[in-house]
Protein backbone atom coordinates (compact mmCIF):
# COMPACT_ATOMS: atom_id res chain seq x y z
CA MET A 1 72.89 136.46 51.42
CA SER A 2 73.27 135.22 47.94
CA ASN A 3 72.37 131.73 46.87
CA ASN A 4 76.05 131.02 46.16
CA THR A 5 77.04 131.68 49.78
CA VAL A 6 74.73 129.05 51.31
CA PRO A 7 75.99 126.10 49.23
CA PHE A 8 79.58 127.22 49.89
CA LEU A 9 78.93 127.33 53.66
CA GLN A 10 77.20 123.96 53.54
CA LYS A 11 80.15 122.47 51.66
CA ALA A 12 82.60 124.05 54.11
CA ALA A 13 80.61 122.71 57.08
CA TRP A 14 80.48 119.25 55.51
CA ILE A 15 84.24 119.28 54.85
CA ALA A 16 84.90 120.47 58.41
CA ALA A 17 82.70 117.66 59.79
CA CYS A 18 84.56 115.08 57.68
CA LEU A 19 87.93 116.41 58.84
CA GLN A 20 86.74 116.36 62.42
CA PHE A 21 85.58 112.75 61.98
CA LEU A 22 88.96 111.76 60.50
CA THR A 23 90.75 113.52 63.35
CA VAL A 24 88.71 111.55 65.89
CA ILE A 25 89.45 108.27 64.08
CA VAL A 26 93.20 109.03 63.95
CA SER A 27 93.16 110.04 67.63
CA ILE A 28 91.38 106.84 68.65
CA SER A 29 93.84 104.81 66.58
CA LEU A 30 96.79 106.50 68.26
CA VAL A 31 95.33 105.94 71.72
CA GLY A 32 94.75 102.27 70.84
CA TYR A 33 98.32 101.94 69.61
CA GLN A 34 99.66 103.58 72.77
CA LEU A 35 97.58 101.28 74.96
CA ASN A 36 98.86 98.26 73.08
CA GLN A 37 102.44 99.45 73.55
CA GLN A 38 101.76 100.04 77.24
CA VAL A 39 100.42 96.48 77.61
CA LYS A 40 103.57 95.12 75.96
CA LEU A 41 105.77 97.21 78.26
CA SER A 42 103.79 96.07 81.31
CA ARG A 43 104.13 92.43 80.30
CA ALA A 44 107.86 92.86 79.82
CA ALA A 45 108.15 94.54 83.22
CA ASN A 46 106.13 91.76 84.85
CA THR A 47 108.37 89.15 83.24
CA GLN A 48 111.40 90.99 84.55
CA THR A 49 109.88 91.12 88.03
CA LEU A 50 109.03 87.43 88.00
CA ALA A 51 112.58 86.59 86.98
CA GLY A 52 113.73 88.72 89.89
CA LEU A 53 111.54 86.72 92.27
CA ILE A 54 113.19 83.41 91.41
CA THR A 55 116.74 84.80 91.42
CA PRO A 56 117.25 84.50 95.22
CA VAL A 57 116.20 80.85 95.07
CA ASN A 58 118.58 80.25 92.18
CA LEU A 59 121.37 82.03 94.04
CA ARG A 60 120.79 79.82 97.07
CA ILE A 61 121.23 76.80 94.83
CA THR A 62 124.68 78.04 93.78
CA ASP A 63 125.83 77.37 97.34
CA ARG A 64 127.48 73.93 97.28
CA GLU A 65 125.57 72.62 100.28
CA MET A 66 122.21 73.82 98.90
CA ALA A 67 123.01 72.40 95.46
CA ASP A 68 123.81 69.07 97.09
CA LEU A 69 120.50 69.22 98.92
CA TRP A 70 118.65 70.06 95.68
CA VAL A 71 120.24 67.13 93.85
CA LYS A 72 119.71 64.79 96.79
CA GLY A 73 115.99 65.51 96.98
CA PHE A 74 113.59 63.56 99.16
CA ASP A 75 115.15 60.20 98.25
CA GLY A 76 118.65 61.30 99.24
CA ILE A 77 117.42 62.90 102.44
CA LYS A 78 115.78 59.61 103.46
CA GLN A 79 119.23 57.98 103.24
CA ILE A 80 120.66 60.22 106.00
CA SER A 81 121.18 58.03 109.08
CA ASP A 82 121.10 60.77 111.74
CA LYS A 83 117.38 61.46 112.29
CA HIS A 84 117.94 65.02 113.49
CA GLU A 85 120.11 65.85 110.47
CA GLN A 86 117.55 64.15 108.23
CA GLU A 87 114.80 66.39 109.65
CA VAL A 88 116.94 69.53 109.25
CA GLN A 89 117.74 68.67 105.64
CA LYS A 90 114.09 67.87 104.92
CA GLU A 91 112.99 71.27 106.29
CA ARG A 92 115.61 73.09 104.24
CA TYR A 93 114.67 71.20 101.10
CA GLU A 94 110.97 71.84 101.61
CA ALA A 95 111.68 75.56 102.10
CA LEU A 96 113.35 75.56 98.67
CA LEU A 97 110.36 73.76 97.17
CA VAL A 98 107.88 76.17 98.78
CA SER A 99 109.82 79.18 97.45
CA THR A 100 109.79 77.66 93.99
CA MET A 101 106.08 76.88 94.15
CA ILE A 102 105.33 80.45 95.25
CA PHE A 103 107.23 81.63 92.18
CA TYR A 104 105.19 79.37 89.90
CA GLU A 105 101.96 80.49 91.57
CA ASN A 106 102.95 84.09 90.84
CA VAL A 107 103.65 83.20 87.21
CA TYR A 108 100.27 81.46 86.98
CA SER A 109 98.50 84.45 88.55
CA GLN A 110 100.21 86.93 86.24
CA ASN A 111 99.23 84.79 83.27
CA SER A 112 95.62 84.53 84.46
CA ALA A 113 95.51 88.34 84.56
CA GLU A 114 97.06 88.43 81.06
CA LEU A 115 100.07 90.30 82.39
CA VAL A 116 102.68 87.89 81.01
CA ASP A 117 103.35 87.12 77.37
CA SER A 118 101.89 83.71 76.52
CA LYS A 119 105.19 82.43 75.10
CA ILE A 120 106.97 83.28 78.35
CA TYR A 121 104.22 81.62 80.37
CA ASP A 122 104.34 78.47 78.23
CA ALA A 123 108.08 78.14 78.88
CA TRP A 124 107.63 78.59 82.63
CA ASP A 125 104.73 76.14 82.64
CA LYS A 126 107.00 73.54 80.99
CA ALA A 127 109.58 74.26 83.68
CA LEU A 128 106.86 73.71 86.30
CA ILE A 129 106.05 70.35 84.72
CA ALA A 130 109.73 69.33 84.85
CA PHE A 131 109.95 70.55 88.46
CA LEU A 132 106.88 68.51 89.47
CA ASP A 133 108.31 65.44 87.74
CA SER A 134 110.83 64.96 90.56
CA PRO A 135 110.58 62.08 93.02
CA GLY A 136 108.44 62.88 96.04
CA MET A 137 106.75 65.94 94.53
CA SER A 138 103.28 64.30 94.41
CA GLU A 139 103.42 63.66 98.15
CA PHE A 140 104.89 67.08 98.87
CA TRP A 141 102.14 68.75 96.84
CA SER A 142 99.29 66.75 98.35
CA GLU A 143 100.39 67.91 101.83
CA ARG A 144 100.67 71.58 100.85
CA LYS A 145 98.23 72.35 98.07
CA LYS A 146 95.70 73.77 100.53
CA PHE A 147 98.05 76.74 101.05
CA TYR A 148 97.80 77.88 97.43
CA ARG A 149 95.10 79.50 95.32
CA LYS A 150 92.44 77.03 94.22
CA ASP A 151 92.87 77.66 90.49
CA PHE A 152 96.65 77.21 90.75
CA SER A 153 96.20 74.15 92.93
CA ASP A 154 93.86 72.65 90.32
CA HIS A 155 96.43 73.39 87.60
CA VAL A 156 99.18 71.60 89.54
CA ASP A 157 96.83 68.68 90.26
CA GLN A 158 96.19 68.34 86.51
CA ILE A 159 99.92 68.32 85.80
CA ILE A 160 100.60 65.70 88.47
CA ALA A 161 97.72 63.54 87.20
CA CYS A 162 99.19 63.84 83.71
CA LEU A 163 102.66 62.92 84.98
CA ASN A 164 101.26 59.89 86.79
CA SER A 165 99.24 58.66 83.80
CA THR A 166 100.25 55.46 82.06
CA PRO A 167 101.20 55.84 79.31
CA ARG A 168 102.27 59.40 80.00
CA GLN A 169 100.28 61.95 78.04
CA PRO A 170 102.28 64.11 75.60
CA LEU A 171 101.03 67.32 77.26
CA CYS A 172 103.10 66.66 80.36
CA GLN A 173 106.44 65.97 78.71
């Protein structure tokens, strides 16, 4: 072999190694981009699924009698003179509240697993705050919080403590 062949082969090998390195970098970048896109798609799908979970509850509220019950709340139910009817209405109302709390627990869980976009979660968390700011919710929650995940239960306890603070903290408005 001539002396000119060795440097040429060394240069060719070096160029091939550089091209291989660039190919690996581009491949890794593309895989990273695809994973990022997949995460975004998964978050969107999870948001869609969560919206689907609350839809049956919302559809129940469109029924005039259920809407009346929702507006009445615990205070209105206490005004019902017939004790049996009062108990029936209380059970129906609490079933609506439990369904809603299960939805919010799912939202919280999805957010904890980073499966929901943070802007979507923030909006739903504000809706949870407004939901918990209804008369009788503190009592309702204190009776039922043991049935929910501890981290979610702690989150709701913090919201209720914030709502009950005087003056009310800006975080819970």
